[in-house]
């Protein structure tokens, strides 16, 4: 994508009883969406959602801030069957 720049991500994360972390999901307009964004302004709109989810489900939620350290190489992603991150879906490798 020309002009696509994503240098950081913000993610609302919770932890289960075994210590496994996962992205918090919210339902908006009938759709489940992960509370992950690249913009600080969107984080501000997600905070009340995350607080409500935490209170309703009696869970702790953390906000993580990730900074880009590099792109994942295509040969690394190709080891997973069925993964296609970009390109023409009709094209065969």
Protein backbone atom coordinates (compact mmCIF):
# COMPACT_ATOMS: atom_id res chain seq x y z
CA UNK A 1 0.00 0.00 0.00
CA UNK A 2 1.45 3.26 -1.05
CA UNK A 3 1.71 5.73 1.81
CA UNK A 4 0.81 3.16 4.50
CA UNK A 5 2.74 3.90 7.68
CA UNK A 6 2.09 2.26 11.03
CA UNK A 7 4.86 2.92 13.52
CA UNK A 8 2.96 1.95 16.65
CA UNK A 9 -0.07 0.05 17.90
CA UNK A 10 -2.13 0.30 21.05
CA UNK A 11 -3.92 -2.83 22.29
CA UNK A 12 -6.22 -3.52 25.21
CA UNK A 13 -5.16 -6.89 26.63
CA UNK A 14 -6.49 -9.22 29.32
CA UNK A 15 -5.04 -12.34 30.92
CA UNK A 16 -6.78 -15.62 31.71
CA UNK A 17 -6.25 -17.76 34.82
CA UNK A 18 -3.37 -19.66 33.16
CA UNK A 19 -1.51 -16.46 32.30
CA UNK A 20 -2.38 -16.43 28.59
CA UNK A 21 -2.90 -12.94 27.23
CA UNK A 22 -5.47 -12.01 24.61
CA UNK A 23 -6.83 -8.97 22.83
CA UNK A 24 -10.05 -7.57 24.29
CA UNK A 25 -13.02 -7.55 21.90
CA UNK A 26 -16.01 -5.22 21.93
CA UNK A 27 -19.32 -5.46 20.11
CA UNK A 28 -20.16 -2.38 18.03
CA UNK A 29 -23.15 -2.22 15.71
CA UNK A 30 -23.47 -6.01 15.93
CA UNK A 31 -19.83 -6.63 14.96
CA UNK A 32 -17.06 -7.90 17.22
CA UNK A 33 -13.98 -5.74 16.91
CA UNK A 34 -10.60 -6.07 18.61
CA UNK A 35 -9.64 -3.09 20.73
CA UNK A 36 -6.45 -2.44 18.77
CA UNK A 37 -5.59 0.78 16.99
CA UNK A 38 -2.69 2.71 15.54
CA UNK A 39 -4.08 6.07 16.63
CA UNK A 40 -4.03 7.71 20.03
CA UNK A 41 -7.35 9.44 19.33
CA UNK A 42 -9.02 6.05 18.85
CA UNK A 43 -7.46 4.85 22.12
CA UNK A 44 -9.36 7.65 23.87
CA UNK A 45 -12.66 6.32 22.49
CA UNK A 46 -11.78 2.73 23.42
CA UNK A 47 -10.96 3.51 27.07
CA UNK A 48 -14.61 3.77 28.22
CA UNK A 49 -15.43 0.57 26.29
CA UNK A 50 -12.54 -1.30 27.92
CA UNK A 51 -13.49 0.03 31.37
CA UNK A 52 -17.07 -1.15 30.89
CA UNK A 53 -15.94 -4.58 29.67
CA UNK A 54 -13.58 -4.91 32.64
CA UNK A 55 -16.29 -3.96 35.14
CA UNK A 56 -19.01 -6.12 33.56
CA UNK A 57 -16.77 -9.21 33.26
CA UNK A 58 -14.79 -8.61 36.48
CA UNK A 59 -11.46 -8.80 34.65
CA UNK A 60 -8.32 -6.70 34.56
CA UNK A 61 -7.46 -5.01 31.29
CA UNK A 62 -4.12 -3.43 30.42
CA UNK A 63 -3.34 -1.03 27.60
CA UNK A 64 -0.18 -2.04 25.74
CA UNK A 65 1.79 0.23 23.45
CA UNK A 66 3.81 -1.51 20.74
CA UNK A 67 6.41 0.22 18.58
CA UNK A 68 7.45 -1.08 15.19
CA UNK A 69 10.87 -2.66 15.08
CA UNK A 70 10.55 -4.03 11.58
CA UNK A 71 8.38 -5.91 9.15
CA UNK A 72 7.90 -9.65 9.34
CA UNK A 73 9.62 -11.29 6.39
CA UNK A 74 7.41 -12.91 3.75
CA UNK A 75 9.37 -16.18 3.95
CA UNK A 76 8.52 -16.36 7.67
CA UNK A 77 4.79 -15.89 7.05
CA UNK A 78 4.80 -18.35 4.14
CA UNK A 79 5.45 -21.23 6.55
CA UNK A 80 1.83 -20.97 7.73
CA UNK A 81 -0.64 -22.65 5.41
CA UNK A 82 -3.37 -20.37 4.16
CA UNK A 83 -1.74 -17.08 5.16
CA UNK A 84 -1.94 -14.37 2.52
CA UNK A 85 -1.08 -10.89 3.66
CA UNK A 86 -1.07 -9.05 0.35
CA UNK A 87 -1.27 -9.48 -3.38
CA UNK A 88 -3.73 -10.94 -5.81
CA UNK A 89 -5.80 -13.75 -4.21
CA UNK A 90 -6.14 -15.38 -7.65
CA UNK A 91 -2.35 -15.63 -8.02
CA UNK A 92 -0.85 -19.03 -7.14
CA UNK A 93 2.61 -19.48 -5.61
